[in-house]
Amino acid sequence: MNRAVGLGLAGLFVLLLALAWWGWSRAGLALLQLNMSLC
């Protein structure tokens, strides 16, 4: 396996992981704000 290809795949995986974490944190904050406004 080419080293550059492995590095690119690793970078893509990290990018997807960061994007997923950001999305989940945003969703969690939105749900928390909604919960606070309902109470």
PDB file of N, CA and C in Angstrom:
ATOM      1  N   MET A   1       0.852  -1.205   0.000  1.00  0.00           N
ATOM      2  CA  MET A   1       0.000   0.000   0.000  1.00  0.00           C
ATOM      3  C   MET A   1       0.886   1.253   0.000  1.00  0.00           C
ATOM      4  N   ASN A   2       0.501   2.209  -0.786  1.00  0.00           N
ATOM      5  CA  ASN A   2       1.275   3.439  -0.879  1.00  0.00           C
ATOM      6  C   ASN A   2       1.124   4.263   0.398  1.00  0.00           C
ATOM      7  N   ARG A   3       2.216   4.876   0.823  1.00  0.00           N
ATOM      8  CA  ARG A   3       2.192   5.635   2.063  1.00  0.00           C
ATOM      9  C   ARG A   3       1.311   6.875   1.957  1.00  0.00           C
ATOM     10  N   ALA A   4       1.368   7.543   0.799  1.00  0.00           N
ATOM     11  CA  ALA A   4       0.566   8.745   0.597  1.00  0.00           C
ATOM     12  C   ALA A   4      -0.932   8.412   0.639  1.00  0.00           C
ATOM     13  N   VAL A   5      -1.290   7.257   0.067  1.00  0.00           N
ATOM     14  CA  VAL A   5      -2.696   6.842   0.073  1.00  0.00           C
ATOM     15  C   VAL A   5      -3.155   6.565   1.499  1.00  0.00           C
ATOM     16  N   GLY A   6      -2.309   5.901   2.274  1.00  0.00           N
ATOM     17  CA  GLY A   6      -2.646   5.615   3.671  1.00  0.00           C
ATOM     18  C   GLY A   6      -2.799   6.892   4.468  1.00  0.00           C
ATOM     19  N   LEU A   7      -1.898   7.847   4.212  1.00  0.00           N
ATOM     20  CA  LEU A   7      -1.953   9.128   4.916  1.00  0.00           C
ATOM     21  C   LEU A   7      -3.228   9.888   4.551  1.00  0.00           C
ATOM     22  N   GLY A   8      -3.589   9.836   3.281  1.00  0.00           N
ATOM     23  CA  GLY A   8      -4.802  10.507   2.814  1.00  0.00           C
ATOM     24  C   GLY A   8      -6.052   9.889   3.435  1.00  0.00           C
ATOM     25  N   LEU A   9      -6.070   8.559   3.513  1.00  0.00           N
ATOM     26  CA  LEU A   9      -7.216   7.872   4.112  1.00  0.00           C
ATOM     27  C   LEU A   9      -7.318   8.201   5.598  1.00  0.00           C
ATOM     28  N   ALA A  10      -6.171   8.265   6.270  1.00  0.00           N
ATOM     29  CA  ALA A  10      -6.164   8.598   7.694  1.00  0.00           C
ATOM     30  C   ALA A  10      -6.685  10.025   7.906  1.00  0.00           C
ATOM     31  N   GLY A  11      -6.254  10.946   7.039  1.00  0.00           N
ATOM     32  CA  GLY A  11      -6.712  12.326   7.147  1.00  0.00           C
ATOM     33  C   GLY A  11      -8.209  12.448   6.910  1.00  0.00           C
ATOM     34  N   LEU A  12      -8.694  11.675   5.940  1.00  0.00           N
ATOM     35  CA  LEU A  12     -10.118  11.699   5.625  1.00  0.00           C
ATOM     36  C   LEU A  12     -10.930  11.148   6.798  1.00  0.00           C
ATOM     37  N   PHE A  13     -10.419  10.077   7.408  1.00  0.00           N
ATOM     38  CA  PHE A  13     -11.089   9.469   8.549  1.00  0.00           C
ATOM     39  C   PHE A  13     -11.168  10.444   9.722  1.00  0.00           C
ATOM     40  N   VAL A  14     -10.054  11.144   9.985  1.00  0.00           N
ATOM     41  CA  VAL A  14     -10.017  12.122  11.075  1.00  0.00           C
ATOM     42  C   VAL A  14     -10.992  13.265  10.796  1.00  0.00           C
ATOM     43  N   LEU A  15     -11.045  13.693   9.522  1.00  0.00           N
ATOM     44  CA  LEU A  15     -11.945  14.778   9.141  1.00  0.00           C
ATOM     45  C   LEU A  15     -13.402  14.368   9.356  1.00  0.00           C
ATOM     46  N   LEU A  16     -13.739  13.150   8.945  1.00  0.00           N
ATOM     47  CA  LEU A  16     -15.101  12.656   9.135  1.00  0.00           C
ATOM     48  C   LEU A  16     -15.434  12.542  10.617  1.00  0.00           C
ATOM     49  N   LEU A  17     -14.468  12.083  11.404  1.00  0.00           N
ATOM     50  CA  LEU A  17     -14.678  11.934  12.841  1.00  0.00           C
ATOM     51  C   LEU A  17     -14.936  13.291  13.489  1.00  0.00           C
ATOM     52  N   ALA A  18     -14.140  14.307  13.093  1.00  0.00           N
ATOM     53  CA  ALA A  18     -14.305  15.650  13.645  1.00  0.00           C
ATOM     54  C   ALA A  18     -15.661  16.235  13.236  1.00  0.00           C
ATOM     55  N   LEU A  19     -16.049  15.990  11.988  1.00  0.00           N
ATOM     56  CA  LEU A  19     -17.327  16.492  11.497  1.00  0.00           C
ATOM     57  C   LEU A  19     -18.492  15.849  12.250  1.00  0.00           C
ATOM     58  N   ALA A  20     -18.392  14.542  12.477  1.00  0.00           N
ATOM     59  CA  ALA A  20     -19.445  13.818  13.209  1.00  0.00           C
ATOM     60  C   ALA A  20     -19.527  14.321  14.653  1.00  0.00           C
ATOM     61  N   TRP A  21     -18.359  14.539  15.296  1.00  0.00           N
ATOM     62  CA  TRP A  21     -18.345  15.023  16.673  1.00  0.00           C
ATOM     63  C   TRP A  21     -18.947  16.420  16.768  1.00  0.00           C
ATOM     64  N   TRP A  22     -18.616  17.281  15.784  1.00  0.00           N
ATOM     65  CA  TRP A  22     -19.153  18.641  15.764  1.00  0.00           C
ATOM     66  C   TRP A  22     -20.670  18.605  15.606  1.00  0.00           C
ATOM     67  N   GLY A  23     -21.155  17.736  14.704  1.00  0.00           N
ATOM     68  CA  GLY A  23     -22.594  17.615  14.475  1.00  0.00           C
ATOM     69  C   GLY A  23     -23.325  17.133  15.723  1.00  0.00           C
ATOM     70  N   TRP A  24     -22.729  16.130  16.395  1.00  0.00           N
ATOM     71  CA  TRP A  24     -23.362  15.597  17.602  1.00  0.00           C
ATOM     72  C   TRP A  24     -23.391  16.632  18.714  1.00  0.00           C
ATOM     73  N   SER A  25     -22.293  17.400  18.868  1.00  0.00           N
ATOM     74  CA  SER A  25     -22.248  18.424  19.914  1.00  0.00           C
ATOM     75  C   SER A  25     -23.265  19.533  19.633  1.00  0.00           C
ATOM     76  N   ARG A  26     -23.404  19.897  18.359  1.00  0.00           N
ATOM     77  CA  ARG A  26     -24.398  20.908  17.982  1.00  0.00           C
ATOM     78  C   ARG A  26     -25.815  20.411  18.274  1.00  0.00           C
ATOM     79  N   ALA A  27     -26.087  19.150  17.929  1.00  0.00           N
ATOM     80  CA  ALA A  27     -27.403  18.570  18.168  1.00  0.00           C
ATOM     81  C   ALA A  27     -27.682  18.486  19.672  1.00  0.00           C
ATOM     82  N   GLY A  28     -26.666  18.111  20.434  1.00  0.00           N
ATOM     83  CA  GLY A  28     -26.819  18.017  21.886  1.00  0.00           C
ATOM     84  C   GLY A  28     -27.124  19.380  22.506  1.00  0.00           C
ATOM     85  N   LEU A  29     -26.422  20.411  22.036  1.00  0.00           N
ATOM     86  CA  LEU A  29     -26.653  21.766  22.552  1.00  0.00           C
ATOM     87  C   LEU A  29     -28.051  22.259  22.189  1.00  0.00           C
ATOM     88  N   ALA A  30     -28.490  21.956  20.967  1.00  0.00           N
ATOM     89  CA  ALA A  30     -29.819  22.376  20.524  1.00  0.00           C
ATOM     90  C   ALA A  30     -30.899  21.694  21.368  1.00  0.00           C
ATOM     91  N   LEU A  31     -30.706  20.394  21.635  1.00  0.00           N
ATOM     92  CA  LEU A  31     -31.672  19.655  22.452  1.00  0.00           C
ATOM     93  C   LEU A  31     -31.694  20.206  23.877  1.00  0.00           C
ATOM     94  N   LEU A  32     -30.513  20.566  24.386  1.00  0.00           N
ATOM     95  CA  LEU A  32     -30.435  21.112  25.737  1.00  0.00           C
ATOM     96  C   LEU A  32     -31.162  22.452  25.826  1.00  0.00           C
ATOM     97  N   GLN A  33     -30.970  23.301  24.818  1.00  0.00           N
ATOM     98  CA  GLN A  33     -31.642  24.604  24.799  1.00  0.00           C
ATOM     99  C   GLN A  33     -33.153  24.426  24.676  1.00  0.00           C
ATOM    100  N   LEU A  34     -33.577  23.463  23.865  1.00  0.00           N
ATOM    101  CA  LEU A  34     -34.997  23.194  23.697  1.00  0.00           C
ATOM    102  C   LEU A  34     -35.597  22.719  25.023  1.00  0.00           C
ATOM    103  N   ASN A  35     -34.864  21.853  25.716  1.00  0.00           N
ATOM    104  CA  ASN A  35     -35.314  21.339  26.998  1.00  0.00           C
ATOM    105  C   ASN A  35     -35.428  22.465  28.021  1.00  0.00           C
ATOM    106  N   MET A  36     -34.470  23.386  28.006  1.00  0.00           N
ATOM    107  CA  MET A  36     -34.482  24.516  28.938  1.00  0.00           C
ATOM    108  C   MET A  36     -35.666  25.452  28.648  1.00  0.00           C
ATOM    109  N   SER A  37     -35.958  25.657  27.373  1.00  0.00           N
ATOM    110  CA  SER A  37     -37.042  26.568  27.016  1.00  0.00           C
ATOM    111  C   SER A  37     -38.415  25.960  27.324  1.00  0.00           C
ATOM    112  N   LEU A  38     -38.504  24.636  27.298  1.00  0.00           N
ATOM    113  CA  LEU A  38     -39.779  23.975  27.578  1.00  0.00           C
ATOM    114  C   LEU A  38     -40.096  23.990  29.066  1.00  0.00           C
ATOM    115  N   CYS A  39     -39.057  23.928  29.910  1.00  0.00           N
ATOM    116  CA  CYS A  39     -39.288  23.887  31.354  1.00  0.00           C
ATOM    117  C   CYS A  39     -39.753  25.239  31.882  1.00  0.00           C
TER     118      CYS A  39
END
